[in-house]
Structures are given as C-alpha cells and as structure tokens.
Protein backbone atom coordinates (compact mmCIF):
# COMPACT_ATOMS: atom_id res chain seq x y z
CA UNK A 1 60.99 63.44 118.56
CA UNK A 2 62.20 66.31 116.46
CA UNK A 3 62.83 65.00 113.02
CA UNK A 4 65.00 66.59 110.32
CA UNK A 5 62.16 66.55 107.76
CA UNK A 6 63.95 69.13 105.66
CA UNK A 7 67.13 70.51 107.09
CA UNK A 8 67.27 73.08 104.27
CA UNK A 9 63.86 74.43 105.29
CA UNK A 10 65.07 74.51 108.86
CA UNK A 11 68.02 76.65 107.86
CA UNK A 12 65.75 79.15 106.21
CA UNK A 13 63.84 79.53 109.45
CA UNK A 14 66.91 80.79 111.32
CA UNK A 15 68.22 83.79 109.43
CA UNK A 16 70.99 84.94 111.71
CA UNK A 17 74.44 86.09 110.63
CA UNK A 18 77.91 85.68 112.10
CA UNK A 19 81.11 87.60 111.75
CA UNK A 20 83.12 84.85 110.34
CA UNK A 21 84.25 81.40 109.37
CA UNK A 22 87.81 80.65 108.13
CA UNK A 23 90.76 82.49 106.55
CA UNK A 24 93.89 80.95 105.07
CA UNK A 25 97.25 82.73 105.53
CA UNK A 26 100.06 82.07 103.06
CA UNK A 27 103.45 83.21 104.35
CA UNK A 28 106.43 83.99 102.19
CA UNK A 29 108.84 81.78 104.10
CA UNK A 30 107.00 78.47 103.90
CA UNK A 31 105.64 77.46 100.49
CA UNK A 32 103.43 74.39 100.25
CA UNK A 33 101.17 75.18 103.19
CA UNK A 34 98.59 77.72 104.37
CA UNK A 35 97.79 78.45 108.01
CA UNK A 36 94.11 77.87 108.82
CA UNK A 37 92.63 80.50 111.17
CA UNK A 38 89.12 80.76 112.60
CA UNK A 39 87.36 84.11 112.54
CA UNK A 40 85.07 84.80 115.49
CA UNK A 41 81.90 82.71 115.69
CA UNK A 42 79.65 81.08 118.30
CA UNK A 43 81.97 78.03 118.44
CA UNK A 44 85.14 80.15 118.64
CA UNK A 45 84.11 83.53 120.02
CA UNK A 46 87.51 85.22 119.71
CA UNK A 47 88.82 83.32 116.68
CA UNK A 48 92.34 81.97 116.32
CA UNK A 49 94.19 78.83 115.49
CA UNK A 50 92.31 75.69 114.52
CA UNK A 51 92.78 71.93 115.06
CA UNK A 52 93.99 71.74 111.43
CA UNK A 53 96.89 74.24 111.82
CA UNK A 54 99.05 74.22 108.69
CA UNK A 55 97.06 72.93 105.71
CA UNK A 56 99.00 71.20 102.93
CA UNK A 57 98.89 72.81 99.49
CA UNK A 58 101.29 70.54 97.60
CA UNK A 59 101.12 72.34 94.19
CA UNK A 60 102.23 75.60 95.85
CA UNK A 61 105.42 73.95 97.20
CA UNK A 62 107.16 74.98 93.98
CA UNK A 63 106.67 78.66 94.67
CA UNK A 64 109.79 80.63 95.62
CA UNK A 65 110.31 81.22 99.30
CA UNK A 66 111.20 84.68 100.56
CA UNK A 67 109.25 86.61 97.92
CA UNK A 68 106.60 88.79 99.48
CA UNK A 69 104.81 89.49 96.15
CA UNK A 70 102.05 87.13 95.05
CA UNK A 71 98.65 86.43 96.46
CA UNK A 72 96.03 83.88 97.36
CA UNK A 73 92.32 83.39 96.66
CA UNK A 74 89.73 80.60 96.85
CA UNK A 75 86.96 79.53 94.47
CA UNK A 76 84.46 78.06 96.96
CA UNK A 77 82.30 76.60 94.27
CA UNK A 78 85.11 74.26 93.14
CA UNK A 79 87.13 74.05 96.40
CA UNK A 80 90.12 75.43 94.51
CA UNK A 81 92.89 77.40 96.26
CA UNK A 82 95.02 79.65 94.04
CA UNK A 83 98.49 80.62 95.28
CA UNK A 84 101.20 82.76 93.74
CA UNK A 85 104.69 84.12 94.42
CA UNK A 86 104.08 86.90 91.93
CA UNK A 87 105.55 85.04 88.97
CA UNK A 88 103.87 81.65 89.08
CA UNK A 89 100.31 80.58 89.94
CA UNK A 90 99.36 77.19 91.38
CA UNK A 91 96.02 75.50 91.99
CA UNK A 92 95.27 73.12 94.91
CA UNK A 93 92.14 71.41 96.14
CA UNK A 94 91.03 72.66 99.53
CA UNK A 95 92.31 69.89 101.88
CA UNK A 96 89.59 70.53 104.43
CA UNK A 97 87.12 68.54 102.33
CA UNK A 98 89.29 65.66 101.09
CA UNK A 99 88.12 63.22 103.84
CA UNK A 100 84.52 63.75 102.77
CA UNK A 101 84.89 63.79 98.99
CA UNK A 102 87.48 61.01 98.82
CA UNK A 103 89.27 63.01 96.14
CA UNK A 104 93.01 63.11 96.73
CA UNK A 105 94.36 65.44 94.02
CA UNK A 106 97.76 64.97 92.37
CA UNK A 107 99.78 68.21 92.47
CA UNK A 108 99.55 69.99 89.16
CA UNK A 109 102.09 72.19 87.38
CA UNK A 110 102.57 75.87 88.05
CA UNK A 111 101.85 78.37 85.30
CA UNK A 112 103.29 81.82 84.65
CA UNK A 113 101.27 84.73 85.98
CA UNK A 114 99.96 87.15 83.35
CA UNK A 115 101.31 90.66 82.84
CA UNK A 116 98.76 93.17 84.20
CA UNK A 117 100.04 96.78 83.62
CA UNK A 118 103.55 97.42 84.86
CA UNK A 119 105.19 94.16 83.83
CA UNK A 120 106.04 93.47 87.48
CA UNK A 121 104.89 90.53 89.60
CA UNK A 122 101.29 90.21 90.60
CA UNK A 123 100.67 91.22 94.22
CA UNK A 124 97.08 90.09 94.81
CA UNK A 125 94.34 87.85 93.47
CA UNK A 126 90.53 87.80 93.92
CA UNK A 127 88.00 85.28 92.70
CA UNK A 128 84.52 86.09 91.42
CA UNK A 129 83.12 82.58 90.73
CA UNK A 130 79.71 83.87 89.77
CA UNK A 131 81.20 85.73 86.82
CA UNK A 132 83.97 83.17 86.34
CA UNK A 133 86.72 85.75 86.60
CA UNK A 134 90.04 85.53 88.40
CA UNK A 135 91.12 89.09 89.10
CA UNK A 136 94.76 90.06 89.57
CA UNK A 137 96.70 93.19 90.45
CA UNK A 138 100.39 94.06 90.02
CA UNK A 139 100.04 96.74 92.66
CA UNK A 140 99.05 99.56 90.32
CA UNK A 141 96.62 97.95 87.84
CA UNK A 142 93.74 95.49 87.73
CA UNK A 143 92.83 92.83 85.16
CA UNK A 144 90.41 89.92 84.89
CA UNK A 145 91.48 86.51 83.65
CA UNK A 146 90.21 82.97 83.10
CA UNK A 147 90.25 80.92 86.32
CA UNK A 148 92.52 78.28 84.81
CA UNK A 149 95.74 78.23 82.81
CA UNK A 150 96.84 79.93 80.63
CA UNK A 151 94.98 82.75 82.56
CA UNK A 152 93.87 84.44 79.40
CA UNK A 153 92.51 87.98 79.76
CA UNK A 154 88.74 88.35 80.08
CA UNK A 155 88.59 91.96 81.25
CA UNK A 156 91.20 94.41 79.84
CA UNK A 157 93.69 95.56 82.43
CA UNK A 158 93.28 99.09 83.72
CA UNK A 159 95.43 101.43 85.80
CA UNK A 160 94.28 102.58 89.26
CA UNK A 161 95.12 106.31 89.30
CA UNK A 162 93.34 106.98 92.59
CA UNK A 163 96.39 105.33 94.29
CA UNK A 164 98.38 108.48 93.50
CA UNK A 165 101.94 108.96 92.18
CA UNK A 166 103.48 108.25 95.60
CA UNK A 167 101.53 105.06 96.21
CA UNK A 168 103.25 102.07 97.81
CA UNK A 169 101.40 99.72 95.51
CA UNK A 170 98.68 97.23 96.42
CA UNK A 171 99.74 94.10 98.34
CA UNK A 172 96.39 92.41 98.81
CA UNK A 173 93.13 92.19 96.86
CA UNK A 174 89.66 90.63 97.18
CA UNK A 175 86.20 90.98 95.68
CA UNK A 176 83.04 91.73 97.75
CA UNK A 177 80.04 90.05 96.10
CA UNK A 178 77.47 91.92 98.18
CA UNK A 179 78.54 95.29 96.80
CA UNK A 180 80.27 94.29 93.56
CA UNK A 181 83.40 96.21 94.60
CA UNK A 182 87.03 95.44 95.31
CA UNK A 183 88.90 95.88 98.54
CA UNK A 184 92.70 96.15 98.63
CA UNK A 185 95.55 97.03 100.98
CA UNK A 186 99.05 98.33 100.57
CA UNK A 187 102.11 97.22 102.65
CA UNK A 188 102.02 100.31 104.88
CA UNK A 189 98.45 99.84 106.02
CA UNK A 190 96.26 101.71 103.53
CA UNK A 191 92.84 100.14 102.88
CA UNK A 192 91.12 100.83 99.56
CA UNK A 193 87.64 100.23 98.08
CA UNK A 194 86.91 100.67 94.37
CA UNK A 195 84.65 99.60 91.54
CA UNK A 196 85.69 97.10 88.80
CA UNK A 197 86.14 100.02 86.42
CA UNK A 198 88.70 101.56 88.73
CA UNK A 199 86.60 104.37 90.22
CA UNK A 200 87.14 104.78 93.95
CA UNK A 201 84.27 104.30 96.45
CA UNK A 202 84.68 107.70 98.12
CA UNK A 203 87.95 109.22 99.38
CA UNK A 204 90.92 106.82 99.55
CA UNK A 205 92.29 105.17 101.56
CA UNK A 206 89.06 104.42 103.47
CA UNK A 207 91.02 103.27 106.50
CA UNK A 208 94.54 102.68 107.80
CA UNK A 209 95.60 99.52 109.64
CA UNK A 210 98.45 99.69 112.11
CA UNK A 211 100.29 96.38 111.81
CA UNK A 212 103.53 95.00 113.24
CA UNK A 213 104.79 94.17 109.74
CA UNK A 214 103.94 94.96 106.11
CA UNK A 215 100.46 93.91 105.06
CA UNK A 216 100.64 91.13 102.49
CA UNK A 217 97.08 89.96 102.08
CA UNK A 218 93.43 91.00 102.32
CA UNK A 219 90.25 88.89 102.44
CA UNK A 220 86.56 89.86 102.45
CA UNK A 221 84.38 87.88 104.90
CA UNK A 222 81.54 86.78 102.59
CA UNK A 223 79.26 85.75 105.44
CA UNK A 224 78.57 89.20 106.90
CA UNK A 225 78.34 91.69 104.07
CA UNK A 226 75.50 93.89 102.84
CA UNK A 227 72.19 92.04 103.09
CA UNK A 228 73.11 89.96 106.13
CA UNK A 229 71.57 90.57 109.54
CA UNK A 230 72.76 90.75 113.20
CA UNK A 231 74.87 88.34 115.24
CA UNK A 232 72.80 85.47 116.79
CA UNK A 233 71.20 86.36 120.15
CA UNK A 234 73.06 83.42 121.75
CA UNK A 235 76.53 84.19 120.42
CA UNK A 236 79.25 85.74 122.61
CA UNK A 237 81.57 86.29 119.60
CA UNK A 238 83.63 89.36 118.90
CA UNK A 239 81.85 91.41 116.17
CA UNK A 240 83.43 92.72 113.00
CA UNK A 241 86.18 91.20 110.84
CA UNK A 242 84.37 91.87 107.58
CA UNK A 243 87.53 93.15 105.86
CA UNK A 244 90.54 91.24 107.13
CA UNK A 245 94.22 91.92 106.46
CA UNK A 246 97.39 90.21 107.65
CA UNK A 247 101.09 90.66 108.06
CA UNK A 248 101.52 86.90 108.63
CA UNK A 249 101.59 86.41 112.39
CA UNK A 250 98.37 88.40 112.97
CA UNK A 251 94.97 88.89 111.33
CA UNK A 252 93.60 92.43 111.65
CA UNK A 253 90.09 93.83 111.29
CA UNK A 254 90.93 96.46 108.70
CA UNK A 255 87.99 98.69 109.73
CA UNK A 256 88.26 98.38 113.50
CA UNK A 257 91.38 99.72 115.19
CA UNK A 258 92.93 97.27 117.66
CA UNK A 259 90.81 94.22 116.68
CA UNK A 260 93.25 91.35 116.03
CA UNK A 261 93.39 87.53 115.87
CA UNK A 262 96.67 85.70 116.32
CA UNK A 263 97.87 83.17 113.78
CA UNK A 264 99.39 80.53 116.10
CA UNK A 265 100.85 78.43 113.30
CA UNK A 266 102.73 81.40 111.80
CA UNK A 267 106.40 80.93 110.83
CA UNK A 268 106.98 84.58 111.63
CA UNK A 269 107.68 85.44 107.98
CA UNK A 270 105.73 88.13 106.08
CA UNK A 271 102.41 87.15 104.48
CA UNK A 272 101.98 87.16 100.70
CA UNK A 273 98.33 86.08 100.63
CA UNK A 274 95.10 85.86 102.61
CA UNK A 275 91.91 84.10 101.47
CA UNK A 276 88.44 83.58 102.95
CA UNK A 277 86.27 80.49 102.71
CA UNK A 278 82.94 79.43 104.20
CA UNK A 279 84.61 76.25 105.55
CA UNK A 280 83.27 74.56 108.64
CA UNK A 281 84.87 75.27 111.98
CA UNK A 282 85.55 72.37 114.34
CA UNK A 283 86.08 71.93 118.10
CA UNK A 284 87.42 68.92 119.98
CA UNK A 285 84.74 66.64 121.37
CA UNK A 286 85.34 62.99 120.44
CA UNK A 287 87.80 60.33 121.64
CA UNK A 288 86.53 57.44 119.51
CA UNK A 289 83.96 54.68 119.90
CA UNK A 290 85.13 51.89 122.27
CA UNK A 291 83.05 49.05 120.87
CA UNK A 292 84.17 49.41 117.26
CA UNK A 293 87.51 51.17 117.80
CA UNK A 294 86.49 53.75 115.21
CA UNK A 295 87.02 57.54 115.40
CA UNK A 296 84.29 59.18 113.31
CA UNK A 297 85.03 62.53 111.61
CA UNK A 298 82.35 65.21 111.07
CA UNK A 299 82.19 67.89 108.39
CA UNK A 300 80.66 69.10 105.15
CA UNK A 301 81.42 68.11 101.59
CA UNK A 302 82.39 71.68 100.47
CA UNK A 303 82.23 75.28 101.55
CA UNK A 304 78.71 76.35 102.55
CA UNK A 305 78.25 78.96 99.84
CA UNK A 306 74.90 80.26 98.63
CA UNK A 307 73.74 80.75 95.06
CA UNK A 308 74.33 78.56 92.02
CA UNK A 309 76.01 75.28 92.95
CA UNK A 310 75.00 75.68 96.60
CA UNK A 311 74.21 71.97 97.02
CA UNK A 312 76.14 70.42 99.91
CA UNK A 313 75.99 67.64 102.45
CA UNK A 314 76.53 67.20 106.20
CA UNK A 315 78.88 64.28 106.63
CA UNK A 316 80.23 61.75 109.08
CA UNK A 317 82.95 59.36 107.93
CA UNK A 318 84.94 56.62 109.64
CA UNK A 319 82.23 55.44 111.95
CA UNK A 320 81.06 51.92 112.74
CA UNK A 321 78.98 50.29 109.95
CA UNK A 322 75.19 50.06 110.08
CA UNK A 323 74.83 51.85 113.40
CA UNK A 324 72.16 54.22 114.68
CA UNK A 325 73.53 57.75 114.88
CA UNK A 326 72.00 61.01 116.11
CA UNK A 327 72.74 64.39 114.55
CA UNK A 328 72.52 66.94 117.39
CA UNK A 329 72.32 70.58 116.35
CA UNK A 330 71.53 74.05 117.57
CA UNK A 331 72.28 77.66 116.63
CA UNK A 332 74.94 78.16 119.26
CA UNK A 333 77.03 75.59 121.20
CA UNK A 334 77.37 75.20 124.92
CA UNK A 335 79.91 77.96 125.76
CA UNK A 336 83.26 76.27 126.08
CA UNK A 337 81.65 72.83 125.80
CA UNK A 338 80.72 70.43 128.62
CA UNK A 339 83.54 68.02 129.46
CA UNK A 340 82.40 64.52 130.38
CA UNK A 341 84.98 62.97 132.78
CA UNK A 342 83.63 59.41 132.38
CA UNK A 343 84.47 59.31 128.69
CA UNK A 344 86.91 62.18 128.12
CA UNK A 345 84.51 63.61 125.53
CA UNK A 346 83.08 67.14 125.27
CA UNK A 347 79.39 67.72 124.61
CA UNK A 348 78.81 70.93 122.61
CA UNK A 349 75.04 70.76 122.06
CA UNK A 350 72.64 71.56 124.91
CA UNK A 351 69.60 69.21 124.78
CA UNK A 352 67.71 71.59 127.08
CA UNK A 353 68.08 74.56 124.71
CA UNK A 354 64.81 75.86 123.25
CA UNK A 355 66.39 75.75 119.78
CA UNK A 356 67.91 72.26 120.13
CA UNK A 357 67.03 69.71 117.41
CA UNK A 358 68.14 66.22 116.47
CA UNK A 359 67.59 63.64 113.75
CA UNK A 360 68.25 59.92 113.59
CA UNK A 361 70.29 58.30 110.87
CA UNK A 362 71.94 54.90 110.13
CA UNK A 363 75.54 54.62 108.97
CA UNK A 364 76.14 52.66 105.77
CA UNK A 365 78.31 49.58 105.29
CA UNK A 366 81.52 51.64 105.61
CA UNK A 367 80.41 53.85 108.52
CA UNK A 368 79.48 56.93 106.51
CA UNK A 369 76.46 59.23 106.72
CA UNK A 370 75.69 61.86 104.10
CA UNK A 371 72.77 64.27 104.64
CA UNK A 372 72.12 66.34 101.48
CA UNK A 373 71.44 70.03 102.12
CA UNK A 374 71.19 73.08 99.88
CA UNK A 375 72.30 76.64 100.48
CA UNK A 376 71.27 77.79 96.97
CA UNK A 377 68.46 79.98 98.27
CA UNK A 378 69.70 80.40 101.83
CA UNK A 379 70.19 83.83 103.36
CA UNK A 380 73.72 85.00 103.98
CA UNK A 381 74.97 84.09 107.45
CA UNK A 382 72.79 81.19 108.50
CA UNK A 383 74.64 79.16 111.11
CA UNK A 384 74.36 75.95 113.05
CA UNK A 385 76.59 73.99 115.44
CA UNK A 386 76.34 70.20 115.07
CA UNK A 387 77.69 67.07 116.69
CA UNK A 388 77.15 63.42 115.89
CA UNK A 389 76.32 60.86 118.64
CA UNK A 390 76.95 57.26 117.62
CA UNK A 391 75.23 54.39 119.43
CA UNK A 392 77.79 52.40 121.40
CA UNK A 393 76.82 50.11 124.33
CA UNK A 394 80.35 50.26 125.69
CA UNK A 395 80.38 54.07 125.90
CA UNK A 396 79.57 55.59 129.34
CA UNK A 397 76.63 57.47 127.89
CA UNK A 398 75.55 54.74 125.52
CA UNK A 399 76.69 56.92 122.63
CA UNK A 400 80.13 58.08 121.56
CA UNK A 401 80.50 61.69 120.40
CA UNK A 402 82.35 63.17 117.48
CA UNK A 403 84.06 66.54 117.44
CA UNK A 404 81.59 69.41 117.01
CA UNK A 405 81.47 71.30 113.74
CA UNK A 406 79.86 74.57 112.76
CA UNK A 407 78.87 75.93 109.35
CA UNK A 408 77.88 79.36 108.22
CA UNK A 409 76.40 80.23 104.84
CA UNK A 410 78.09 82.95 102.77
CA UNK A 411 78.24 84.33 99.32
CA UNK A 412 80.43 82.36 96.87
C-alpha cells in the first residue's frame, strides 16, 4: 500500500510546471460577480469555462455598471479579491474556498480609490502580497498603497513616460513576482513590461494583442514564470498563457498570436478587470453516495501559493461521518476521464499509472477530512490531480467518487 507519509515531501519529488490554473474576469456590465475561467492544464488541456461559472462577489455589487475603468486583483495569501470601477474599491473573500473554511463573509463597504497622477479613475490594480503593496495605475502613472482602506500611499506615485504623448493609457496591470516587474496593457492591444521605478524592460510595447474588443484587464500566470520548468510529460495541455489579457468574452495569450480561451459565462460587455489565482480546478466525477445520501465536495482551503503563509490543506466536506475514504492522486488525470455507466460517475485517476498513489483516511463526525500540506518551500508549478473515493457498500464499485480536483503551486 502506498501511504501518504508526507504529502509535502511527495510534492517536492515531482517538480513539473503547468501553464495555468484560474483567472477571474470582471465585466463592466455585471457588477457583483466575476467569471471563473480555467487556463490550460492536465485536467483541462484547452482551458475554458468551469463548473463554477459566475462567482459571487457581493461587496462589488455596489460598483457602477457600464464603466470600463477600474481593475481587479487577488491577494492569494488572504483569499481577498479587490474590485474597482475606477472610483471605488471593494474587497471580497474568494468564494471558491468558503465551503472549506466555513467563513461566510458579510459584504463590506466600498472605499474611494486614491488619486495616482492625473486625478482620473484608476484603470488597473496589482497585488504584491510579499511586500504588502497594492499597486494602482490611472493609465499614465503608478503608485503603491496599503492593501486595505483608506489605501494610504506606501510608494510615491510616478509617471510612466515610456508610454509616449500619444498613448491610449493603460487599461490593465499586474505584478510578476519571478522578475519583480510589472506587465500592463492598453485598450488597443499594446503590451508593456516595466520596473517598479518606471523604467521600461526594453523597447515598448513588447507585444501587440489583436482582440475583438478593447482590452480591459491583464493577469500574470504565477505558476509558470522564471524559475519554473517544463510542462509535465503526461500533459496534453496547450502551452503558454503566462501573460493573459481579456476584452471580456475572450482570454488572450498576450505573447502568442492567435492563442485564445473563451469565457463562456461572459455577458458580452467589455472587461474592466482580470486577476489570476492558484485556485484548484475541478472536473465532474461524483453523483453522491447512495448509502448515506451525501454528496462530498473536494478542494483546498486556500490558493496553493508558495512562500510565506504557504500552509494549506486538501479537503473533503459533506461526506458520511466516520467512514473510510481513499485519496487517489497522480500527476495527470485520465484524459477526458473514464465514465462508469453502472454508477454515472467518472473516474479521473488511473490506478495502473506508474505515478499513481493513494492514502487512506477516516472522515470525522461531520463527514470532513482535512489533510494539512505546505507549499512554503515548494517549487513553482508542482501539480497533482486528486479524487476522493468514499467507502459505500451500496455503490456499484463499493466506493462512491467525488469530483476530481487539481492544484498547482505558484508564487503568491
């Protein structure tokens, strides 16, 4: 039997990197939600819409519809999602993790956005949780602020002269921890890379993205930057999508012409924010456990970020109490999954794979399992696909399956 003696040590043994995990799209026409989109991975090779669809962000419901200015960013260390319409900033807890933390936040008040350089609305936000700085741009300048109201200045605002006198103004912003630089886009497709002091990283723009509509958000994929290594040998995923931009209905690889991912939950209105998070991806697999009538849910307790605060846990909630449960896991899933007609379930983990592993656990009195793990010292891009199998004598296989879930480690 292959025991999970130390799942953290196991992770360190498989230092493969992916191209992605999850981005959130905030569109100007529908405040209060963000569309959840997978980037390419072993579980979802082409990327696209998720089982979650539109994610509720209740605090952001007060933001004005129809305004393209604003932005969006995520602090993965606190599961906080920042949203803005250019004039107000709101903070929401990432709803992906609420079932596992049990923390149902009450929507908080919106606060005025700071003045950066021009006095106009902010048009992009980027979080550097390691330094504790929330960066903002008004399209022509850059400033660093506290990551909570009243968003007091921490880094004096500076102008960005490399944009030029005829610049369209930045419409998206993010920070790349692996290089310590910023990436930004403008509405007409320009892609820019520059240092915190404002100096450009070579000639600008570094690329140009042809999009159907104006670009309204940019996000850096923090799982495949400098220091990460190749796609897993077993993954059929589409490569790329390190720098992502969006017009709302579509996600574009900013550095690869023609590489796109649809946003199926799009309202069709222009985007005003795009944010990346190392959230788990999920694929349908379970139909519930017939003996207990339960429908267990798999996931993690927070984003799988590395570095300080990288403690995490693999979770299963909503299962039958005090029941033997197997955690099945591998680097890559069965391509497309294996449908089981007798139960209607889908098996995603191949027990005949040379890299297959499993561990045995017992649910607690309320049907929960929590397996502590740490990504503090993990390499960027470690990935596993997992699926819980819960003992059930009434199930055709003797075990009922949950949905499959996949995590990837990335910089915070």
